[in-house]
Protein backbone atom coordinates (compact mmCIF):
# COMPACT_ATOMS: atom_id res chain seq x y z
CA MET A 1 61.88 77.78 33.55
CA THR A 2 58.46 76.86 35.33
CA ALA A 3 56.51 73.94 33.83
CA ALA A 4 52.78 74.12 33.66
CA PRO A 5 50.63 72.07 35.95
CA VAL A 6 49.68 68.58 34.82
CA THR A 7 46.47 67.09 35.95
CA GLY A 8 45.56 63.46 36.04
CA GLY A 9 48.95 62.12 37.09
CA VAL A 10 51.88 62.62 39.25
CA ALA A 11 54.26 65.11 37.19
CA ARG A 12 58.03 65.51 37.82
CA SER A 13 60.57 67.40 35.72
CA ASP A 14 62.93 65.67 33.67
CA ARG A 15 66.51 66.18 35.27
CA THR A 16 68.39 66.62 32.00
CA THR A 17 70.43 69.81 31.12
CA PHE A 18 68.59 70.30 27.63
CA SER A 19 65.09 69.34 28.38
CA ALA A 20 62.30 71.25 30.63
CA ALA A 21 59.92 68.60 29.45
CA VAL A 22 57.34 67.21 32.28
CA ARG A 23 56.89 63.41 32.51
CA ILE A 24 53.48 61.98 33.48
CA GLU A 25 54.10 58.72 35.74
CA GLY A 26 50.46 57.57 35.46
CA MET A 27 46.93 58.03 34.03
CA ASP A 28 43.63 57.71 35.86
CA VAL A 29 41.27 56.45 33.26
CA GLY A 30 38.21 55.72 35.56
CA PHE A 31 38.89 51.98 35.71
CA ASP A 32 41.60 49.33 36.63
CA LEU A 33 42.48 46.52 34.64
CA GLY A 34 44.68 44.95 37.29
CA ALA A 35 48.21 44.16 37.26
CA ASN A 36 48.16 42.44 33.98
CA VAL A 37 47.16 45.45 31.74
CA PRO A 38 48.16 43.98 28.38
CA PHE A 39 46.39 40.74 28.88
CA GLY A 40 43.12 42.80 29.77
CA VAL A 41 43.63 44.95 26.52
CA PHE A 42 43.82 41.84 24.49
CA ALA A 43 40.94 40.10 26.17
CA LEU A 44 38.87 43.21 25.40
CA HIS A 45 39.66 42.77 21.58
CA ALA A 46 39.24 39.22 21.76
CA VAL A 47 35.52 39.33 23.24
CA ILE A 48 34.76 41.78 20.37
CA ALA A 49 36.23 39.43 17.83
CA VAL A 50 34.17 36.59 19.25
CA VAL A 51 30.92 38.57 18.46
CA PHE A 52 32.08 39.12 15.08
CA LEU A 53 32.74 35.50 14.73
CA GLY A 54 29.45 34.64 16.00
CA LEU A 55 27.74 36.97 13.28
CA ALA A 56 29.98 35.24 10.85
CA GLY A 57 28.47 31.85 11.82
CA VAL A 58 24.89 33.39 11.59
CA ASN A 59 25.83 34.27 7.83
CA GLY A 60 27.39 31.15 7.29
CA ALA A 61 24.43 29.30 8.57
CA ASN A 62 22.15 31.38 6.17
CA GLY A 63 24.35 30.58 2.93
CA GLU A 64 25.63 34.34 2.66
CA THR A 65 29.39 33.77 1.75
CA ILE A 66 29.91 37.53 1.53
CA GLY A 67 28.67 38.42 4.83
CA LEU A 68 30.61 35.25 6.26
CA VAL A 69 33.72 36.55 4.58
CA LEU A 70 33.72 40.00 5.73
CA TYR A 71 32.74 39.12 9.42
CA LEU A 72 35.55 36.61 9.56
CA ALA A 73 38.06 39.33 8.05
CA MET A 74 36.84 41.95 10.61
CA ALA A 75 37.12 39.23 13.53
CA GLY A 76 40.67 38.35 12.31
CA MET A 77 41.72 42.08 12.16
CA ILE A 78 40.24 42.94 15.53
CA GLY A 79 42.26 40.09 17.38
CA LEU A 80 45.40 41.07 15.28
CA VAL A 81 44.96 44.57 16.43
CA GLY A 82 44.33 43.31 20.26
CA VAL A 83 47.87 41.47 19.78
CA MET A 84 49.37 44.68 18.42
CA ALA A 85 47.82 46.82 21.36
CA ALA A 86 48.84 44.38 24.03
CA ARG A 87 52.28 44.47 22.89
CA ILE A 88 52.39 48.25 22.81
CA VAL A 89 50.91 48.71 26.23
CA ALA A 90 53.24 45.93 27.55
CA ARG A 91 56.30 48.10 26.63
CA ARG A 92 55.07 51.24 28.36
């Protein structure tokens, strides 16, 4: 059985008896995060979360409690997603 060519990575066939799947060894996304990719993923999310914390500060200074709460919640969720995404990336 012949596998279709795969672009964007080094492909090698699985050597098991029951599978003819093709595994991709790497993926080119156009930039390199360096050796510590999980930290890069977390840092990206942390920078975005800091922006939302700044917006929450502006709303808090203006006395807008609803905007303060919403921006704090968004910053927390983005930070949490950053931690989860970094853990997922670290497993791969």
